């Protein structure tokens, strides 16, 4: 978490500057604030001074130890809020009626940092969290209560899964309009079946993007990597999804766990039309480690291997699904 240093500045003088020249800054549409420390009234005053502001990015900022940032801006035109590496234990979006997009990466803490108040226009969240194994997972229905989302992106940063599966019916009011779901950087050893509860909660979902992290570099930097908690979940008997069209998987490798998971999704998604499979992303640090201890990828490189996977995946399934390797 950021702490004040000689490079950390107070935001207040800049807010006064903006307020002193309203005609110069009132048409400002986008603003990024970095390495600043806020007073309680700084953000509301900033939004008043820059009353046309639509996008605000706050990076490496805080208001002191274990501070809370409250944004109460009922008359602002703010559409997008982005937080990166901020030191707040909680961010309260009290009233931001035009807000459509919220992103927060990366956050480390024991509970979700963003509290959603009156944000009736909110449609998209992008949330990245690198938890330790001692931090308890939380249920999405409590965190996102009162929202109606269309796009959700969750990044697990190759660490413990911080989502706790719950009855999909509790999440359906929030995910009923969801069309795009992205789950990124799930650690390679994790069983993926738990993600199906999100499909059950999102009957309108069309595109499902999932990325498995295959990185070996940096894992020794975290003492709890060997103790990452897996997640168990069993899909409801007879569950069918009738709107999912695309399943996109990054970090694909041909192993029993992955193939079993894909067939599970294919069996549930009655109108699935396309599966896109991608190799793991290149990484120089991982390549350097593999030179010392070679570890081959099981991603298919020739048409024979690709066709073999297609046959395994579609065996016994009646629907014609296009399977693409990228």
Protein backbone atom coordinates (compact mmCIF):
# COMPACT_ATOMS: atom_id res chain seq x y z
CA UNK A 1 0.00 0.00 0.00
CA UNK A 2 1.32 3.47 -0.81
CA UNK A 3 2.70 5.55 2.00
CA UNK A 4 3.74 9.21 1.99
CA UNK A 5 7.28 9.81 0.80
CA UNK A 6 9.14 12.82 -0.45
CA UNK A 7 7.55 12.00 -3.82
CA UNK A 8 3.99 11.98 -2.40
CA UNK A 9 2.17 15.31 -2.75
CA UNK A 10 -0.97 16.70 -1.20
CA UNK A 11 -3.82 17.15 -3.66
CA UNK A 12 -5.29 20.24 -1.94
CA UNK A 13 -3.06 22.88 -3.66
CA UNK A 14 -3.98 21.47 -7.06
CA UNK A 15 -7.69 21.54 -6.21
CA UNK A 16 -7.34 25.21 -5.27
CA UNK A 17 -5.55 25.82 -8.56
CA UNK A 18 -8.36 24.17 -10.54
CA UNK A 19 -10.96 26.15 -8.60
CA UNK A 20 -9.12 29.44 -9.19
CA UNK A 21 -9.34 29.06 -12.97
CA UNK A 22 -12.79 27.57 -13.58
CA UNK A 23 -12.98 28.59 -17.23
CA UNK A 24 -9.67 26.86 -17.98
CA UNK A 25 -10.53 23.51 -16.39
CA UNK A 26 -14.30 23.23 -16.50
CA UNK A 27 -14.12 21.57 -19.95
CA UNK A 28 -11.57 18.96 -18.80
CA UNK A 29 -12.90 15.50 -19.73
CA UNK A 30 -10.18 13.19 -18.39
CA UNK A 31 -7.74 13.39 -15.46
CA UNK A 32 -5.17 11.03 -13.93
CA UNK A 33 -3.91 11.68 -10.38
CA UNK A 34 -0.76 9.87 -9.20
CA UNK A 35 1.12 9.68 -5.88
CA UNK A 36 -1.16 12.09 -4.06
CA UNK A 37 -2.59 12.27 -0.55
CA UNK A 38 -6.18 13.49 -0.28
CA UNK A 39 -8.14 15.45 2.28
CA UNK A 40 -11.73 14.35 2.78
CA UNK A 41 -13.20 17.11 0.61
CA UNK A 42 -10.59 17.04 -2.17
CA UNK A 43 -12.35 14.72 -4.63
CA UNK A 44 -15.79 16.41 -4.31
CA UNK A 45 -14.14 19.82 -4.69
CA UNK A 46 -12.19 18.57 -7.70
CA UNK A 47 -15.36 17.30 -9.38
CA UNK A 48 -17.06 20.64 -8.71
CA UNK A 49 -14.14 22.56 -10.22
CA UNK A 50 -13.97 20.26 -13.26
CA UNK A 51 -17.68 19.80 -13.74
CA UNK A 52 -17.35 18.28 -17.24
CA UNK A 53 -14.99 15.54 -16.04
CA UNK A 54 -15.99 12.11 -17.37
CA UNK A 55 -12.99 9.90 -16.62
CA UNK A 56 -10.94 10.00 -13.42
CA UNK A 57 -7.95 7.74 -12.77
CA UNK A 58 -6.49 7.62 -9.25
CA UNK A 59 -3.16 5.81 -8.94
CA UNK A 60 -1.00 5.17 -5.84
CA UNK A 61 -3.00 7.56 -3.66
CA UNK A 62 -4.43 7.50 -0.14
CA UNK A 63 -5.63 9.74 2.68
CA UNK A 64 -3.48 8.31 5.46
CA UNK A 65 -3.22 4.97 7.20
CA UNK A 66 -6.34 2.76 6.85
CA UNK A 67 -8.24 5.60 5.22
CA UNK A 68 -11.64 5.59 3.49
CA UNK A 69 -12.39 7.52 0.30
CA UNK A 70 -15.99 8.74 -0.06
CA UNK A 71 -17.19 10.00 -3.43
CA UNK A 72 -20.52 11.78 -3.16
CA UNK A 73 -21.03 13.62 -6.43
CA UNK A 74 -24.72 13.62 -7.38
CA UNK A 75 -24.29 16.32 -10.03
CA UNK A 76 -21.05 15.11 -11.60
CA UNK A 77 -20.79 13.81 -15.16
CA UNK A 78 -18.33 11.13 -14.14
CA UNK A 79 -18.71 8.06 -16.36
CA UNK A 80 -15.55 6.08 -15.56
CA UNK A 81 -13.51 5.66 -12.37
CA UNK A 82 -10.20 3.78 -12.31
CA UNK A 83 -8.12 2.98 -9.22
CA UNK A 84 -4.63 1.49 -9.32
CA UNK A 85 -2.48 0.50 -6.33
CA UNK A 86 -4.34 2.76 -3.93
CA UNK A 87 -3.99 2.49 -0.15
CA UNK A 88 -7.63 2.81 0.85
CA UNK A 89 -9.24 0.11 2.96
CA UNK A 90 -12.57 1.10 1.42
CA UNK A 91 -13.93 3.31 -1.34
CA UNK A 92 -17.55 4.39 -0.95
CA UNK A 93 -19.36 5.45 -4.10
CA UNK A 94 -22.18 7.22 -2.30
CA UNK A 95 -23.89 9.01 -5.20
CA UNK A 96 -22.41 8.95 -8.69
CA UNK A 97 -25.51 8.65 -10.89
CA UNK A 98 -23.85 8.73 -14.34
CA UNK A 99 -21.03 6.32 -13.47
CA UNK A 100 -20.88 3.38 -15.91
CA UNK A 101 -17.43 1.80 -15.46
CA UNK A 102 -15.36 1.08 -12.33
CA UNK A 103 -11.95 -0.61 -12.35
CA UNK A 104 -9.63 -1.40 -9.44
CA UNK A 105 -6.27 -3.12 -9.83
CA UNK A 106 -4.49 -4.30 -7.81
CA UNK A 107 -6.01 -4.49 -4.36
CA UNK A 108 -4.88 -6.54 -1.35
CA UNK A 109 -7.18 -6.72 1.63
CA UNK A 110 -9.65 -8.73 3.65
CA UNK A 111 -12.86 -7.48 2.05
CA UNK A 112 -13.94 -5.82 -1.20
CA UNK A 113 -12.69 -2.23 -1.23
CA UNK A 114 -15.53 -0.67 -3.22
CA UNK A 115 -18.98 -0.06 -1.73
CA UNK A 116 -21.66 0.71 -4.30
CA UNK A 117 -24.29 3.24 -3.26
CA UNK A 118 -26.45 5.14 -5.76
CA UNK A 119 -24.82 4.14 -9.06
CA UNK A 120 -27.86 3.35 -11.25
CA UNK A 121 -25.92 3.62 -14.53
CA UNK A 122 -23.13 1.23 -13.53
CA UNK A 123 -22.70 -1.45 -16.20
CA UNK A 124 -19.10 -2.66 -16.05
CA UNK A 125 -16.59 -3.56 -13.32
CA UNK A 126 -12.98 -4.66 -13.71
CA UNK A 127 -11.52 -5.88 -10.42
CA UNK A 128 -8.08 -7.35 -9.73
CA UNK A 129 -7.09 -8.81 -6.38
CA UNK A 130 -4.01 -10.70 -5.18
CA UNK A 131 -5.08 -12.31 -1.92
CA UNK A 132 -3.10 -14.45 0.47
CA UNK A 133 -4.42 -17.84 1.52
CA UNK A 134 -5.35 -16.51 4.99
CA UNK A 135 -7.75 -13.95 3.56
CA UNK A 136 -11.33 -15.27 3.51
CA UNK A 137 -13.22 -15.32 0.20
CA UNK A 138 -16.38 -13.28 -0.18
CA UNK A 139 -19.66 -13.74 -2.04
CA UNK A 140 -20.33 -11.54 -5.03
CA UNK A 141 -24.02 -11.01 -4.25
CA UNK A 142 -23.15 -9.10 -1.06
CA UNK A 143 -20.45 -7.02 -2.69
CA UNK A 144 -22.39 -6.12 -5.84
CA UNK A 145 -25.82 -5.80 -4.27
CA UNK A 146 -27.98 -3.16 -5.95
CA UNK A 147 -26.14 -3.18 -9.30
CA UNK A 148 -27.25 -4.50 -12.71
CA UNK A 149 -24.09 -5.33 -14.60
CA UNK A 150 -23.43 -6.15 -18.25
CA UNK A 151 -19.65 -6.70 -18.19
CA UNK A 152 -17.64 -8.23 -15.33
CA UNK A 153 -13.87 -8.82 -15.34
CA UNK A 154 -12.20 -10.48 -12.36
CA UNK A 155 -8.41 -10.96 -12.20
CA UNK A 156 -7.03 -13.42 -9.63
CA UNK A 157 -3.35 -12.68 -10.33
CA UNK A 158 -2.30 -16.34 -10.04
CA UNK A 159 -3.25 -16.42 -6.37
CA UNK A 160 -5.95 -17.89 -4.13
CA UNK A 161 -9.49 -17.71 -5.54
CA UNK A 162 -11.18 -14.95 -3.56
CA UNK A 163 -14.70 -15.61 -4.83
CA UNK A 164 -16.87 -17.85 -2.68
CA UNK A 165 -19.43 -19.82 -4.73
CA UNK A 166 -23.01 -19.27 -3.65
CA UNK A 167 -26.54 -20.13 -4.70
CA UNK A 168 -26.76 -18.72 -8.26
CA UNK A 169 -30.29 -17.47 -7.54
CA UNK A 170 -28.84 -14.91 -5.11
CA UNK A 171 -26.63 -13.51 -7.87
CA UNK A 172 -29.19 -13.56 -10.69
CA UNK A 173 -30.70 -10.10 -9.96
CA UNK A 174 -27.21 -8.63 -10.43
CA UNK A 175 -26.15 -10.79 -13.39
CA UNK A 176 -29.48 -11.02 -15.23
CA UNK A 177 -28.24 -8.58 -17.93
CA UNK A 178 -24.63 -9.82 -17.97
CA UNK A 179 -23.38 -10.46 -21.52
CA UNK A 180 -19.59 -10.66 -21.05
CA UNK A 181 -17.67 -12.39 -18.26
CA UNK A 182 -13.87 -12.47 -18.02
CA UNK A 183 -11.97 -14.48 -15.38
CA UNK A 184 -8.22 -13.88 -15.65
CA UNK A 185 -5.04 -15.44 -14.26
CA UNK A 186 -6.57 -18.39 -12.41
CA UNK A 187 -3.72 -20.46 -10.98
CA UNK A 188 -2.95 -23.52 -13.08
CA UNK A 189 -3.65 -26.14 -10.40
CA UNK A 190 -7.13 -24.80 -9.67
CA UNK A 191 -10.17 -26.89 -10.52
CA UNK A 192 -12.33 -24.79 -12.83
CA UNK A 193 -15.73 -26.38 -12.25
CA UNK A 194 -16.64 -23.69 -9.71
CA UNK A 195 -16.96 -21.12 -12.51
CA UNK A 196 -20.15 -22.82 -13.72
CA UNK A 197 -22.12 -21.23 -10.88
CA UNK A 198 -21.46 -17.88 -12.56
CA UNK A 199 -22.96 -19.23 -15.78
CA UNK A 200 -26.03 -20.34 -13.84
CA UNK A 201 -26.36 -16.85 -12.38
CA UNK A 202 -26.06 -15.13 -15.79
CA UNK A 203 -28.77 -16.43 -18.14
CA UNK A 204 -28.08 -13.67 -20.74
CA UNK A 205 -24.33 -14.35 -20.93
CA UNK A 206 -23.02 -14.51 -24.51
CA UNK A 207 -19.23 -14.42 -24.19
CA UNK A 208 -17.17 -16.20 -21.53
CA UNK A 209 -13.42 -15.46 -21.40
CA UNK A 210 -11.19 -17.47 -19.06
CA UNK A 211 -7.41 -17.34 -18.70
CA UNK A 212 -5.28 -19.84 -16.80
CA UNK A 213 -1.94 -18.54 -15.56
CA UNK A 214 0.95 -20.78 -16.61
CA UNK A 215 3.66 -18.57 -15.13
CA UNK A 216 6.38 -20.26 -13.10
CA UNK A 217 8.42 -17.10 -12.62
CA UNK A 218 7.92 -15.25 -9.37
CA UNK A 219 6.10 -18.05 -7.60
CA UNK A 220 8.83 -18.41 -5.01
CA UNK A 221 8.27 -14.77 -4.08
CA UNK A 222 5.05 -15.71 -2.29
CA UNK A 223 5.42 -18.04 0.68
CA UNK A 224 1.82 -19.24 0.52
CA UNK A 225 1.79 -20.41 -3.10
CA UNK A 226 1.95 -24.06 -2.07
CA UNK A 227 -1.09 -23.53 0.15
CA UNK A 228 -3.41 -21.85 -2.33
CA UNK A 229 -6.93 -22.98 -1.64
CA UNK A 230 -8.86 -24.79 -4.34
CA UNK A 231 -12.58 -24.20 -4.84
CA UNK A 232 -15.18 -26.93 -5.00
CA UNK A 233 -18.57 -26.63 -6.68
CA UNK A 234 -21.03 -29.00 -8.31
CA UNK A 235 -23.25 -27.71 -11.10
CA UNK A 236 -27.01 -28.02 -10.64
CA UNK A 237 -28.44 -31.21 -12.08
CA UNK A 238 -29.84 -30.64 -15.56
CA UNK A 239 -28.58 -27.06 -15.82
CA UNK A 240 -28.68 -25.65 -19.36
CA UNK A 241 -27.56 -22.27 -20.66
CA UNK A 242 -29.29 -21.05 -23.82
CA UNK A 243 -27.48 -17.82 -24.71
CA UNK A 244 -23.75 -18.57 -24.38
CA UNK A 245 -22.19 -18.40 -27.85
CA UNK A 246 -18.44 -18.07 -27.21
CA UNK A 247 -16.05 -19.83 -24.84
CA UNK A 248 -12.55 -18.30 -25.02
CA UNK A 249 -9.76 -19.95 -22.99
CA UNK A 250 -6.23 -18.58 -22.64
CA UNK A 251 -3.38 -20.68 -21.29
CA UNK A 252 -4.95 -23.85 -22.70
CA UNK A 253 -3.12 -27.13 -22.26
CA UNK A 254 -4.37 -30.61 -23.07
CA UNK A 255 -4.74 -32.22 -19.65
CA UNK A 256 -7.55 -34.26 -18.13
CA UNK A 257 -8.76 -31.48 -15.85
CA UNK A 258 -9.04 -28.92 -18.65
CA UNK A 259 -10.71 -31.33 -21.07
CA UNK A 260 -13.21 -32.41 -18.42
CA UNK A 261 -14.06 -28.79 -17.65
CA UNK A 262 -14.55 -27.86 -21.27
CA UNK A 263 -16.87 -30.79 -21.86
CA UNK A 264 -18.82 -29.74 -18.76
CA UNK A 265 -19.36 -26.25 -20.20
CA UNK A 266 -20.14 -27.63 -23.65
CA UNK A 267 -22.74 -29.93 -22.14
CA UNK A 268 -24.40 -27.05 -20.28
CA UNK A 269 -24.27 -24.49 -23.11
CA UNK A 270 -26.97 -25.72 -25.47
CA UNK A 271 -26.31 -23.06 -28.13
CA UNK A 272 -22.54 -22.71 -27.91
CA UNK A 273 -21.16 -21.93 -31.36
CA UNK A 274 -17.44 -21.28 -30.97
CA UNK A 275 -14.53 -22.22 -28.72
CA UNK A 276 -11.26 -20.28 -29.04
CA UNK A 277 -8.19 -21.84 -27.44
CA UNK A 278 -5.00 -19.83 -26.93
CA UNK A 279 -1.52 -20.88 -25.87
CA UNK A 280 -0.01 -19.33 -22.76
CA UNK A 281 1.34 -15.82 -23.20
CA UNK A 282 5.10 -15.59 -23.86
CA UNK A 283 7.24 -14.66 -20.86
CA UNK A 284 11.02 -14.15 -20.98
CA UNK A 285 11.41 -14.87 -17.25
CA UNK A 286 9.54 -18.17 -17.56
CA UNK A 287 11.59 -19.09 -20.64
CA UNK A 288 14.80 -18.46 -18.70
CA UNK A 289 13.64 -20.81 -15.94
CA UNK A 290 12.68 -23.47 -18.48
CA UNK A 291 16.22 -23.40 -19.87
CA UNK A 292 17.38 -24.67 -16.49
CA UNK A 293 14.49 -27.09 -15.99
CA UNK A 294 12.71 -27.70 -19.34
CA UNK A 295 8.94 -27.91 -19.16
CA UNK A 296 7.17 -28.52 -22.46
CA UNK A 297 3.76 -27.09 -23.32
CA UNK A 298 0.93 -29.42 -24.29
CA UNK A 299 -0.67 -26.86 -26.58
CA UNK A 300 -1.06 -28.51 -30.01
CA UNK A 301 1.18 -27.21 -32.77
CA UNK A 302 0.09 -29.32 -35.75
CA UNK A 303 -3.27 -30.11 -37.31
CA UNK A 304 -3.11 -33.71 -36.16
CA UNK A 305 -2.93 -32.69 -32.51
CA UNK A 306 -5.65 -30.08 -32.96
CA UNK A 307 -8.00 -32.56 -34.62
CA UNK A 308 -7.38 -35.06 -31.82
CA UNK A 309 -8.49 -32.49 -29.25
CA UNK A 310 -11.54 -31.62 -31.34
CA UNK A 311 -12.52 -35.29 -31.42
CA UNK A 312 -12.10 -35.68 -27.65
CA UNK A 313 -14.14 -32.57 -26.92
CA UNK A 314 -17.03 -33.28 -29.28
CA UNK A 315 -17.30 -37.03 -28.65
CA UNK A 316 -20.93 -37.78 -27.81
CA UNK A 317 -22.09 -34.17 -28.16
CA UNK A 318 -24.62 -33.48 -30.88
CA UNK A 319 -24.18 -29.76 -31.44
CA UNK A 320 -21.71 -28.52 -34.06
CA UNK A 321 -19.21 -26.26 -32.30
CA UNK A 322 -16.33 -24.60 -34.14
CA UNK A 323 -13.07 -25.06 -32.23
CA UNK A 324 -10.30 -22.61 -33.13
CA UNK A 325 -6.67 -22.74 -31.99
CA UNK A 326 -4.82 -19.45 -31.82
